[in-house]
C-alpha atoms as a PDB file:
ATOM      1  CA  MET A   1      29.199 -31.146  16.594  1.00  0.00           C
ATOM      2  CA  GLN A   2      26.887 -32.597  13.995  1.00  0.00           C
ATOM      3  CA  ALA A   3      23.327 -33.650  14.793  1.00  0.00           C
ATOM      4  CA  THR A   4      22.340 -37.232  14.231  1.00  0.00           C
ATOM      5  CA  LYS A   5      19.685 -38.171  11.729  1.00  0.00           C
ATOM      6  CA  LYS A   6      17.247 -38.934  14.562  1.00  0.00           C
ATOM      7  CA  GLU A   7      17.837 -35.500  16.138  1.00  0.00           C
ATOM      8  CA  GLN A   8      17.282 -33.830  12.779  1.00  0.00           C
ATOM      9  CA  GLU A   9      14.000 -35.693  12.316  1.00  0.00           C
ATOM     10  CA  GLN A  10      12.866 -34.713  15.832  1.00  0.00           C
ATOM     11  CA  TYR A  11      13.762 -31.106  15.119  1.00  0.00           C
ATOM     12  CA  LEU A  12      11.818 -31.097  11.837  1.00  0.00           C
ATOM     13  CA  LYS A  13       8.797 -32.613  13.606  1.00  0.00           C
ATOM     14  CA  LYS A  14       8.906 -29.821  16.213  1.00  0.00           C
ATOM     15  CA  VAL A  15       9.200 -27.189  13.494  1.00  0.00           C
ATOM     16  CA  ASP A  16       6.236 -28.665  11.600  1.00  0.00           C
ATOM     17  CA  LYS A  17       4.213 -28.816  14.808  1.00  0.00           C
ATOM     18  CA  LEU A  18       4.932 -25.194  15.772  1.00  0.00           C
ATOM     19  CA  THR A  19       4.710 -23.665  12.308  1.00  0.00           C
ATOM     20  CA  PRO A  20       1.177 -22.611  11.437  1.00  0.00           C
ATOM     21  CA  ASN A  21      -0.200 -23.996   8.221  1.00  0.00           C
ATOM     22  CA  SER A  22      -0.647 -21.386   5.538  1.00  0.00           C
ATOM     23  CA  PRO A  23      -3.771 -21.897   3.458  1.00  0.00           C
ATOM     24  CA  LEU A  24      -2.091 -21.012   0.167  1.00  0.00           C
ATOM     25  CA  ALA A  25      -5.138 -21.427  -2.070  1.00  0.00           C
ATOM     26  CA  LYS A  26      -7.338 -19.372   0.266  1.00  0.00           C
ATOM     27  CA  ASN A  27      -4.707 -16.620   0.490  1.00  0.00           C
ATOM     28  CA  CYS A  28      -4.379 -16.504  -3.295  1.00  0.00           C
ATOM     29  CA  VAL A  29      -8.142 -16.211  -3.719  1.00  0.00           C
ATOM     30  CA  TRP A  30      -8.349 -13.421  -1.119  1.00  0.00           C
ATOM     31  CA  ALA A  31      -5.483 -11.541  -2.797  1.00  0.00           C
ATOM     32  CA  PHE A  32      -7.077 -11.915  -6.231  1.00  0.00           C
ATOM     33  CA  VAL A  33     -10.530 -10.841  -5.064  1.00  0.00           C
ATOM     34  CA  SER A  34      -9.386  -7.914  -2.914  1.00  0.00           C
ATOM     35  CA  GLY A  35      -6.982  -6.605  -5.562  1.00  0.00           C
ATOM     36  CA  GLY A  36      -9.764  -6.988  -8.117  1.00  0.00           C
ATOM     37  CA  ILE A  37     -12.172  -5.046  -5.916  1.00  0.00           C
ATOM     38  CA  ILE A  38      -9.673  -2.195  -5.542  1.00  0.00           C
ATOM     39  CA  CYS A  39      -9.103  -2.129  -9.304  1.00  0.00           C
ATOM     40  CA  THR A  40     -12.852  -2.306  -9.955  1.00  0.00           C
ATOM     41  CA  ILE A  41     -13.395   0.681  -7.658  1.00  0.00           C
ATOM     42  CA  GLY A  42     -10.713   2.539  -9.614  1.00  0.00           C
ATOM     43  CA  GLU A  43     -12.360   1.652 -12.911  1.00  0.00           C
ATOM     44  CA  ALA A  44     -15.807   2.683 -11.602  1.00  0.00           C
ATOM     45  CA  LEU A  45     -14.380   6.035 -10.519  1.00  0.00           C
ATOM     46  CA  PHE A  46     -12.749   6.420 -13.920  1.00  0.00           C
ATOM     47  CA  LYS A  47     -16.103   5.800 -15.653  1.00  0.00           C
ATOM     48  CA  LEU A  48     -17.860   8.196 -13.251  1.00  0.00           C
ATOM     49  CA  PHE A  49     -15.415  10.997 -14.014  1.00  0.00           C
ATOM     50  CA  SER A  50     -15.737  10.225 -17.719  1.00  0.00           C
ATOM     51  CA  ALA A  51     -19.509  10.624 -17.475  1.00  0.00           C
ATOM     52  CA  MET A  52     -18.959  13.915 -15.657  1.00  0.00           C
ATOM     53  CA  GLY A  53     -17.017  15.221 -18.672  1.00  0.00           C
ATOM     54  CA  PHE A  54     -13.447  15.194 -17.360  1.00  0.00           C
ATOM     55  CA  SER A  55     -10.618  14.614 -19.815  1.00  0.00           C
ATOM     56  CA  GLN A  56      -8.881  11.251 -19.731  1.00  0.00           C
ATOM     57  CA  ASP A  57      -5.801  12.744 -18.046  1.00  0.00           C
ATOM     58  CA  ASN A  58      -7.919  14.359 -15.355  1.00  0.00           C
ATOM     59  CA  GLN A  59      -9.901  11.155 -14.860  1.00  0.00           C
ATOM     60  CA  ALA A  60      -6.680   9.231 -14.184  1.00  0.00           C
ATOM     61  CA  LEU A  61      -5.443  11.970 -11.864  1.00  0.00           C
ATOM     62  CA  LEU A  62      -8.652  12.025  -9.835  1.00  0.00           C
ATOM     63  CA  VAL A  63      -8.801   8.238  -9.555  1.00  0.00           C
ATOM     64  CA  ASN A  64      -5.201   8.099  -8.328  1.00  0.00           C
ATOM     65  CA  LEU A  65      -5.807  10.901  -5.840  1.00  0.00           C
ATOM     66  CA  ILE A  66      -8.875   9.176  -4.435  1.00  0.00           C
ATOM     67  CA  LEU A  67      -7.227   5.752  -4.166  1.00  0.00           C
ATOM     68  CA  ILE A  68      -4.028   7.127  -2.621  1.00  0.00           C
ATOM     69  CA  GLY A  69      -5.932   9.420  -0.265  1.00  0.00           C
ATOM     70  CA  SER A  70      -8.266   6.627   0.820  1.00  0.00           C
ATOM     71  CA  SER A  71      -5.343   4.321   1.490  1.00  0.00           C
ATOM     72  CA  ALA A  72      -3.506   6.976   3.483  1.00  0.00           C
ATOM     73  CA  LEU A  73      -6.650   7.752   5.474  1.00  0.00           C
ATOM     74  CA  LEU A  74      -7.333   4.068   6.214  1.00  0.00           C
ATOM     75  CA  THR A  75      -3.700   3.654   7.278  1.00  0.00           C
ATOM     76  CA  GLY A  76      -3.938   6.682   9.554  1.00  0.00           C
ATOM     77  CA  LEU A  77      -7.086   5.300  11.147  1.00  0.00           C
ATOM     78  CA  GLY A  78      -5.381   1.928  11.675  1.00  0.00           C
ATOM     79  CA  LEU A  79      -7.774   0.057   9.392  1.00  0.00           C
ATOM     80  CA  TYR A  80      -5.472  -0.684   6.454  1.00  0.00           C
ATOM     81  CA  SER A  81      -3.259  -3.080   8.413  1.00  0.00           C
ATOM     82  CA  SER A  82      -6.192  -5.289   9.371  1.00  0.00           C
ATOM     83  CA  LEU A  83      -7.389  -5.158   5.773  1.00  0.00           C
ATOM     84  CA  GLY A  84      -3.894  -6.137   4.659  1.00  0.00           C
ATOM     85  CA  LYS A  85      -3.788  -9.061   7.078  1.00  0.00           C
ATOM     86  CA  ARG A  86      -7.043 -10.379   5.671  1.00  0.00           C
ATOM     87  CA  CYS A  87      -6.453  -9.691   1.983  1.00  0.00           C
ATOM     88  CA  GLY A  88      -2.683 -10.088   1.724  1.00  0.00           C
ATOM     89  CA  ALA A  89      -1.026  -9.121  -1.529  1.00  0.00           C
ATOM     90  CA  GLY A  90      -4.323  -7.884  -2.949  1.00  0.00           C
ATOM     91  CA  THR A  91      -3.915  -4.671  -0.961  1.00  0.00           C
ATOM     92  CA  ILE A  92      -0.176  -4.364  -1.543  1.00  0.00           C
ATOM     93  CA  VAL A  93       0.049  -4.602  -5.308  1.00  0.00           C
ATOM     94  CA  PRO A  94      -2.221  -1.721  -6.395  1.00  0.00           C
ATOM     95  CA  ILE A  95      -1.314   1.908  -5.844  1.00  0.00           C
ATOM     96  CA  THR A  96      -3.043   1.746  -2.464  1.00  0.00           C
ATOM     97  CA  GLY A  97      -0.273  -0.444  -1.069  1.00  0.00           C
ATOM     98  CA  PHE A  98       2.313   2.092  -2.159  1.00  0.00           C
ATOM     99  CA  ALA A  99       0.493   4.850  -0.291  1.00  0.00           C
ATOM    100  CA  ASN A 100       0.226   2.605   2.756  1.00  0.00           C
ATOM    101  CA  SER A 101       3.969   1.949   2.701  1.00  0.00           C
ATOM    102  CA  MET A 102       4.605   5.674   2.829  1.00  0.00           C
ATOM    103  CA  VAL A 103       2.175   6.561   5.593  1.00  0.00           C
ATOM    104  CA  SER A 104       2.893   3.627   7.935  1.00  0.00           C
ATOM    105  CA  PRO A 105       6.416   4.635   9.043  1.00  0.00           C
ATOM    106  CA  SER A 106       5.289   8.202   9.616  1.00  0.00           C
ATOM    107  CA  ILE A 107       2.485   7.137  11.926  1.00  0.00           C
ATOM    108  CA  GLU A 108       4.705   4.697  13.776  1.00  0.00           C
ATOM    109  CA  PHE A 109       7.115   7.471  14.771  1.00  0.00           C
ATOM    110  CA  LYS A 110       4.544  10.252  15.293  1.00  0.00           C
ATOM    111  CA  LYS A 111       5.161  10.265  19.051  1.00  0.00           C
ATOM    112  CA  GLU A 112       8.724  11.475  18.422  1.00  0.00           C
ATOM    113  CA  GLY A 113       7.390  14.765  17.088  1.00  0.00           C
ATOM    114  CA  PHE A 114       6.483  16.261  13.764  1.00  0.00           C
ATOM    115  CA  VAL A 115      10.037  16.974  12.597  1.00  0.00           C
ATOM    116  CA  LEU A 116      12.173  14.112  13.952  1.00  0.00           C
ATOM    117  CA  GLY A 117       9.363  11.570  14.005  1.00  0.00           C
ATOM    118  CA  LEU A 118       6.655  12.099  11.420  1.00  0.00           C
ATOM    119  CA  GLY A 119       8.666  14.228   8.994  1.00  0.00           C
ATOM    120  CA  ALA A 120      11.874  12.221   9.106  1.00  0.00           C
ATOM    121  CA  LYS A 121      10.262   8.792   8.921  1.00  0.00           C
ATOM    122  CA  MET A 122       8.032   9.814   6.038  1.00  0.00           C
ATOM    123  CA  PHE A 123      11.156   9.569   3.905  1.00  0.00           C
ATOM    124  CA  SER A 124      12.164   6.094   5.084  1.00  0.00           C
ATOM    125  CA  VAL A 125      10.338   3.665   2.765  1.00  0.00           C
ATOM    126  CA  ALA A 126       8.330   4.949  -0.150  1.00  0.00           C
ATOM    127  CA  GLY A 127       8.143   8.537   0.965  1.00  0.00           C
ATOM    128  CA  PRO A 128      10.838   9.956  -1.297  1.00  0.00           C
ATOM    129  CA  VAL A 129       9.096   8.752  -4.420  1.00  0.00           C
ATOM    130  CA  ILE A 130       5.738  10.181  -3.384  1.00  0.00           C
ATOM    131  CA  VAL A 131       7.070  13.434  -1.923  1.00  0.00           C
ATOM    132  CA  TYR A 132       9.461  14.238  -4.755  1.00  0.00           C
ATOM    133  CA  GLY A 133       6.947  13.038  -7.331  1.00  0.00           C
ATOM    134  CA  LEU A 134       4.309  15.293  -5.782  1.00  0.00           C
ATOM    135  CA  LEU A 135       6.650  18.293  -5.608  1.00  0.00           C
ATOM    136  CA  THR A 136       7.812  17.744  -9.189  1.00  0.00           C
ATOM    137  CA  SER A 137       4.250  17.436 -10.441  1.00  0.00           C
ATOM    138  CA  ILE A 138       3.281  20.656  -8.671  1.00  0.00           C
ATOM    139  CA  ILE A 139       6.242  22.501 -10.190  1.00  0.00           C
ATOM    140  CA  VAL A 140       5.707  21.087 -13.686  1.00  0.00           C
ATOM    141  CA  GLY A 141       1.945  21.659 -13.443  1.00  0.00           C
ATOM    142  CA  THR A 142       2.453  25.264 -12.385  1.00  0.00           C
ATOM    143  CA  ILE A 143       4.924  25.897 -15.208  1.00  0.00           C
ATOM    144  CA  HIS A 144       2.578  24.249 -17.700  1.00  0.00           C
ATOM    145  CA  TYR A 145      -0.416  26.234 -16.445  1.00  0.00           C
ATOM    146  CA  PHE A 146       1.260  29.632 -16.624  1.00  0.00           C
ATOM    147  CA  PHE A 147       3.599  29.236 -19.591  1.00  0.00           C
ATOM    148  CA  MET A 148       2.051  26.751 -22.010  1.00  0.00           C
END
């Protein structure tokens, strides 16, 4: 049975009435500013480690570790989700959003135990990339340290 034109118009009016308006310009500004702040923090850390005499490779490593660790910690404390709601894509695009996407499923299933909950769900979204990337970097770093 096909709806009449009047029924379709009534339906669209109800949808418009119930659908919250999304302030697109405001959301874009928040995403730009928050992503910029995260990147500025990363750049400030990079300059700090440069002034401390670290090599460029080590500067990049330390900045990534701090940003990923901070994001994981904020996710674990339940603060990253409220930050994400406020800032939108600004917190998703940088490396911090990637860390958040790995930690979130693990925390959600923590009550199921460390093996079947936390450990298993860590591999559900972005976990494999981080875990295998971390393991590979440890192995390659160890080989490089001892044999090169």
